[in-house]
Amino acid sequence: MPHAPSTQEQLFPIPKMAHVTVYEQPLNERVRCFLRLEYLFGSVAESMQGETPRAARNAIAGMIDISDQLSRTDVKGELIKEIERHVTTIGALRNNPGVNSGVLEQTLGRLEPLSALLKSNTFQPGAKLRQNDLVTQIRQRLAIPGGLCSFDLPAFHHWLSRDHQRRLTLLNDWMTDLRAIEAGVTITLKMIRESARPQPVIASGGFYQQTLDANSACHLVRVSVADEDDVFAEISGGKHRFAVRFMRNAELGARPQQSTDPIDFELQCCVL
């Protein structure tokens, strides 16, 4: 059974392994929300690297998804709670000789100003998008398949036909008040992921189950499995236990079946 991470193990990066795929399962709604935002921010960043009108269209659609996610849940408040919790936890490690003091102070130096910005009454993430009339029109048409055709929104078609640099300038401006949320999500998830070292585990018959310590809440389960095993991990669980099933696709489009082979993998129960 994997051990709970000691204070000496915290604030150290996890070694990178080659040729593995990592599967993650959030065990609370806060981390689930953060993972969704991380995915959306990654999609926007990738789209903004493209120079085509379609890439700009995808970037705007991703920003709207982020804005909608922020309006549905109190992400700002949840991030403040999470960052303050990390500041308290990390601050308590200052006198621990097993902790890299340089990394600790660097981490606190990022967390504390970010917390102050998020707490500011003037900070309203997504306001630039919500106040833009063209973005409002785009949002209304996104739910319609093919709703952003040129004949539906000629103003958007006109904007997409402008120079790439001109489009990128506006995209960056729309992202301005979302950057703090992106930074908060990124650093919070990084700390959660690095709070536990990978432990080698074997799933007998493609199945593994573990009961969680009631006194140490696990926020995120991470499973790293070698690509050569040609299986994927289905993870389910809650605050008391979780289970991992390793599945195989005999052929594309067929219903996956649980592997009957023992599967070696690495497990992280992230509790920070």
Protein backbone atom coordinates (compact mmCIF):
# COMPACT_ATOMS: atom_id res chain seq x y z
CA MET A 1 0.00 0.00 0.00
CA PRO A 2 1.43 3.41 -0.91
CA HIS A 3 2.52 5.47 2.05
CA ALA A 4 1.30 8.99 2.75
CA PRO A 5 3.86 11.59 1.63
CA SER A 6 6.14 12.87 4.37
CA THR A 7 7.11 16.51 4.68
CA GLN A 8 10.50 15.61 3.25
CA GLU A 9 8.82 14.40 0.06
CA GLN A 10 6.88 17.60 -0.49
CA LEU A 11 8.07 20.39 -2.80
CA PHE A 12 10.24 18.06 -4.87
CA PRO A 13 9.50 17.36 -8.53
CA ILE A 14 8.34 13.90 -9.59
CA PRO A 15 10.87 12.12 -11.84
CA LYS A 16 9.73 12.03 -15.46
CA MET A 17 9.31 8.56 -16.93
CA ALA A 18 9.48 7.73 -20.61
CA HIS A 19 6.79 5.95 -22.62
CA VAL A 20 3.97 6.08 -20.10
CA THR A 21 0.48 7.52 -20.13
CA VAL A 22 -0.85 9.16 -16.96
CA TYR A 23 -4.53 8.86 -16.00
CA GLU A 24 -5.99 11.11 -13.32
CA GLN A 25 -9.13 10.90 -11.22
CA PRO A 26 -10.20 13.86 -9.01
CA LEU A 27 -11.80 12.86 -5.74
CA ASN A 28 -13.54 16.16 -5.02
CA GLU A 29 -15.42 18.77 -7.03
CA ARG A 30 -12.79 21.48 -6.53
CA VAL A 31 -9.99 19.49 -8.18
CA ARG A 32 -12.40 18.28 -10.89
CA CYS A 33 -13.13 21.92 -11.77
CA PHE A 34 -9.43 22.81 -11.79
CA LEU A 35 -8.63 19.92 -14.14
CA ARG A 36 -11.34 21.02 -16.56
CA LEU A 37 -9.97 24.56 -16.55
CA GLU A 38 -6.43 23.28 -17.09
CA TYR A 39 -7.65 21.39 -20.15
CA LEU A 40 -9.43 24.46 -21.52
CA PHE A 41 -6.47 26.79 -20.92
CA GLY A 42 -4.21 24.28 -22.69
CA SER A 43 -6.56 24.18 -25.68
CA VAL A 44 -6.65 27.99 -25.88
CA ALA A 45 -2.85 28.24 -25.65
CA GLU A 46 -2.41 25.70 -28.44
CA SER A 47 -4.97 27.46 -30.65
CA MET A 48 -3.30 30.84 -30.09
CA GLN A 49 -0.04 29.42 -31.45
CA GLY A 50 -1.75 28.81 -34.79
CA GLU A 51 -1.93 31.53 -37.41
CA THR A 52 -5.06 30.45 -39.29
CA PRO A 53 -8.55 31.92 -38.88
CA ARG A 54 -9.75 28.50 -37.68
CA ALA A 55 -7.16 28.55 -34.89
CA ALA A 56 -8.40 32.00 -33.80
CA ARG A 57 -12.00 30.72 -33.87
CA ASN A 58 -11.02 27.75 -31.66
CA ALA A 59 -9.17 30.06 -29.24
CA ILE A 60 -12.26 32.24 -28.79
CA ALA A 61 -14.49 29.18 -28.31
CA GLY A 62 -12.11 27.95 -25.61
CA MET A 63 -12.11 31.33 -23.85
CA ILE A 64 -15.91 31.33 -23.86
CA ASP A 65 -15.90 27.84 -22.32
CA ILE A 66 -13.56 29.12 -19.59
CA SER A 67 -15.76 32.16 -18.97
CA ASP A 68 -18.85 29.94 -18.74
CA GLN A 69 -17.09 27.64 -16.28
CA LEU A 70 -16.17 30.64 -14.12
CA SER A 71 -19.78 31.84 -14.11
CA ARG A 72 -21.14 28.44 -13.07
CA THR A 73 -18.89 27.93 -10.06
CA ASP A 74 -17.04 30.20 -7.65
CA VAL A 75 -13.64 29.32 -9.10
CA LYS A 76 -12.09 32.50 -7.78
CA GLY A 77 -13.21 31.73 -4.22
CA GLU A 78 -12.15 28.07 -4.49
CA LEU A 79 -8.71 29.07 -5.74
CA ILE A 80 -8.27 31.52 -2.88
CA LYS A 81 -9.11 28.78 -0.35
CA GLU A 82 -6.79 26.30 -2.02
CA ILE A 83 -3.87 28.74 -2.29
CA GLU A 84 -4.25 29.88 1.31
CA ARG A 85 -4.29 26.25 2.41
CA HIS A 86 -1.07 25.61 0.51
CA VAL A 87 0.56 28.76 1.93
CA THR A 88 -0.21 27.54 5.46
CA THR A 89 1.01 24.01 4.75
CA ILE A 90 4.21 25.11 3.04
CA GLY A 91 4.93 27.85 5.57
CA ALA A 92 4.93 25.22 8.32
CA LEU A 93 7.83 23.47 6.55
CA ARG A 94 10.23 26.42 6.81
CA ASN A 95 12.21 24.90 9.68
CA ASN A 96 12.20 21.36 8.29
CA PRO A 97 15.79 20.39 7.30
CA GLY A 98 14.51 17.88 4.73
CA VAL A 99 12.87 20.56 2.60
CA ASN A 100 14.63 22.60 -0.07
CA SER A 101 14.34 26.11 1.38
CA GLY A 102 15.01 27.78 -1.97
CA VAL A 103 12.12 25.94 -3.64
CA LEU A 104 9.91 26.65 -0.63
CA GLU A 105 10.52 30.40 -0.68
CA GLN A 106 10.15 30.51 -4.46
CA THR A 107 6.80 28.76 -4.19
CA LEU A 108 5.57 31.10 -1.46
CA GLY A 109 6.79 34.03 -3.54
CA ARG A 110 4.42 32.95 -6.30
CA LEU A 111 1.47 32.00 -4.12
CA GLU A 112 1.17 35.05 -1.86
CA PRO A 113 0.99 37.76 -4.59
CA LEU A 114 -1.40 35.57 -6.57
CA SER A 115 -3.66 35.22 -3.55
CA ALA A 116 -3.65 38.99 -3.06
CA LEU A 117 -4.62 39.57 -6.70
CA LEU A 118 -7.47 37.05 -6.56
CA LYS A 119 -8.81 38.70 -3.39
CA SER A 120 -8.88 42.13 -5.00
CA ASN A 121 -12.39 43.51 -5.46
CA THR A 122 -11.37 44.95 -8.82
CA PHE A 123 -10.33 41.56 -10.20
CA GLN A 124 -13.22 40.17 -12.28
CA PRO A 125 -12.01 37.27 -14.42
CA GLY A 126 -13.73 36.99 -17.79
CA ALA A 127 -15.16 40.52 -17.66
CA LYS A 128 -13.50 41.52 -20.95
CA LEU A 129 -15.21 38.64 -22.75
CA ARG A 130 -18.61 39.21 -21.16
CA GLN A 131 -18.58 42.91 -22.06
CA ASN A 132 -17.74 42.38 -25.73
CA ASP A 133 -20.76 42.39 -28.05
CA LEU A 134 -19.11 40.26 -30.75
CA VAL A 135 -18.15 37.59 -28.19
CA THR A 136 -21.75 37.59 -26.93
CA GLN A 137 -22.97 36.90 -30.47
CA ILE A 138 -20.39 34.12 -30.88
CA ARG A 139 -21.45 32.54 -27.57
CA GLN A 140 -25.09 32.47 -28.70
CA ARG A 141 -24.19 30.74 -31.98
CA LEU A 142 -21.75 28.16 -30.58
CA ALA A 143 -24.54 25.82 -29.45
CA ILE A 144 -25.73 25.52 -33.07
CA PRO A 145 -23.80 22.99 -35.22
CA GLY A 146 -21.96 25.08 -37.79
CA GLY A 147 -23.46 28.20 -36.24
CA LEU A 148 -20.36 30.30 -36.89
CA CYS A 149 -20.54 30.14 -40.69
CA SER A 150 -19.74 33.38 -42.48
CA PHE A 151 -23.41 34.00 -43.40
CA ASP A 152 -24.44 33.64 -39.72
CA LEU A 153 -21.92 36.13 -38.31
CA PRO A 154 -20.45 38.31 -41.07
CA ALA A 155 -18.85 40.58 -38.43
CA PHE A 156 -16.95 37.58 -37.04
CA HIS A 157 -16.01 36.46 -40.56
CA HIS A 158 -14.66 39.97 -41.21
CA TRP A 159 -12.59 39.88 -38.01
CA LEU A 160 -11.19 36.42 -38.80
CA SER A 161 -10.06 37.68 -42.21
CA ARG A 162 -7.84 40.33 -40.61
CA ASP A 163 -4.07 39.99 -40.21
CA HIS A 164 -2.91 37.26 -37.80
CA GLN A 165 -0.99 39.69 -35.58
CA ARG A 166 -4.05 41.91 -35.28
CA ARG A 167 -6.17 38.93 -34.24
CA LEU A 168 -3.53 37.77 -31.75
CA THR A 169 -3.38 41.20 -30.10
CA LEU A 170 -7.09 41.09 -29.37
CA LEU A 171 -6.97 37.46 -28.23
CA ASN A 172 -4.22 38.33 -25.75
CA ASP A 173 -6.25 41.29 -24.52
CA TRP A 174 -9.27 39.05 -23.90
CA MET A 175 -7.04 36.65 -21.98
CA THR A 176 -5.63 39.37 -19.71
CA ASP A 177 -8.07 38.98 -16.83
CA LEU A 178 -8.04 35.18 -17.15
CA ARG A 179 -4.27 34.84 -16.67
CA ALA A 180 -4.44 34.94 -12.87
CA ILE A 181 -6.97 32.11 -12.88
CA GLU A 182 -4.72 30.16 -15.24
CA ALA A 183 -1.71 30.75 -12.99
CA GLY A 184 -3.65 29.76 -9.87
CA VAL A 185 -4.93 26.55 -11.46
CA THR A 186 -1.49 25.67 -12.82
CA ILE A 187 0.44 26.11 -9.57
CA THR A 188 -2.28 24.49 -7.44
CA LEU A 189 -2.44 21.36 -9.59
CA LYS A 190 1.36 21.22 -9.81
CA MET A 191 1.65 21.20 -6.02
CA ILE A 192 -1.09 18.61 -5.63
CA ARG A 193 0.54 16.33 -8.20
CA GLU A 194 3.96 16.68 -6.62
CA SER A 195 2.72 15.99 -3.08
CA ALA A 196 3.12 12.23 -3.53
CA ARG A 197 5.88 10.18 -5.08
CA PRO A 198 4.91 7.42 -7.52
CA GLN A 199 4.71 3.99 -5.89
CA PRO A 200 5.05 0.72 -7.86
CA VAL A 201 1.87 -1.38 -7.71
CA ILE A 202 0.56 -4.51 -9.43
CA ALA A 203 -3.06 -4.85 -10.51
CA SER A 204 -3.89 -8.56 -10.32
CA GLY A 205 -6.14 -9.57 -13.19
CA GLY A 206 -6.19 -5.94 -14.34
CA PHE A 207 -7.88 -4.71 -11.15
CA TYR A 208 -6.64 -2.71 -8.15
CA GLN A 209 -8.53 -1.28 -5.19
CA GLN A 210 -7.39 0.75 -2.20
CA THR A 211 -9.05 2.10 0.94
CA LEU A 212 -8.11 5.68 1.74
CA ASP A 213 -6.96 7.06 5.08
CA ALA A 214 -9.92 8.89 6.61
CA ASN A 215 -7.54 11.29 8.41
CA SER A 216 -5.69 12.35 5.26
CA ALA A 217 -8.00 13.40 2.45
CA CYS A 218 -6.83 12.34 -1.00
CA HIS A 219 -7.56 14.98 -3.65
CA LEU A 220 -6.28 13.27 -6.77
CA VAL A 221 -5.40 9.74 -7.88
CA ARG A 222 -2.76 9.41 -10.63
CA VAL A 223 -2.00 6.18 -12.46
CA SER A 224 1.03 5.86 -14.77
CA VAL A 225 0.98 2.84 -17.06
CA ALA A 226 3.54 1.80 -19.68
CA ASP A 227 2.38 2.35 -23.26
CA GLU A 228 3.76 -1.06 -24.21
CA ASP A 229 1.10 -2.74 -22.04
CA ASP A 230 -1.52 -1.37 -24.46
CA VAL A 231 -4.17 -0.84 -21.76
CA PHE A 232 -5.96 2.21 -20.41
CA ALA A 233 -6.99 2.90 -16.82
CA GLU A 234 -10.59 3.45 -15.72
CA ILE A 235 -10.51 5.00 -12.25
CA SER A 236 -13.52 5.40 -9.99
CA GLY A 237 -13.75 6.38 -6.36
CA GLY A 238 -14.70 8.75 -3.59
CA LYS A 239 -13.32 9.93 -0.28
CA HIS A 240 -13.25 6.43 1.26
CA ARG A 241 -11.78 4.23 -1.51
CA PHE A 242 -10.95 4.03 -5.17
CA ALA A 243 -10.59 1.32 -7.80
CA VAL A 244 -8.58 1.04 -11.01
CA ARG A 245 -9.55 -1.23 -13.90
CA PHE A 246 -7.17 -1.72 -16.80
CA MET A 247 -9.07 -2.11 -20.04
CA ARG A 248 -8.11 -3.31 -23.52
CA ASN A 249 -9.62 -2.53 -26.91
CA ALA A 250 -9.40 -5.71 -28.96
CA GLU A 251 -10.23 -3.68 -32.05
CA LEU A 252 -11.18 -0.11 -32.77
CA GLY A 253 -14.86 0.49 -32.09
CA ALA A 254 -15.35 -2.69 -30.03
CA ARG A 255 -16.46 -2.57 -26.40
CA PRO A 256 -13.36 -2.51 -24.12
CA GLN A 257 -12.76 -5.54 -21.92
CA GLN A 258 -10.95 -5.67 -18.59
CA SER A 259 -7.48 -7.14 -18.90
CA THR A 260 -6.95 -10.51 -17.20
CA ASP A 261 -3.18 -9.99 -17.02
CA PRO A 262 -1.29 -8.57 -14.02
CA ILE A 263 -0.48 -4.94 -14.82
CA ASP A 264 2.51 -3.15 -13.33
CA PHE A 265 1.87 0.56 -12.84
CA GLU A 266 2.80 3.52 -10.66
CA LEU A 267 0.30 5.09 -8.31
CA GLN A 268 0.12 8.49 -6.64
CA CYS A 269 -2.46 9.37 -3.97
CA CYS A 270 -2.07 13.15 -3.80
CA VAL A 271 -3.08 14.49 -0.40
CA LEU A 272 -1.52 18.00 -0.17
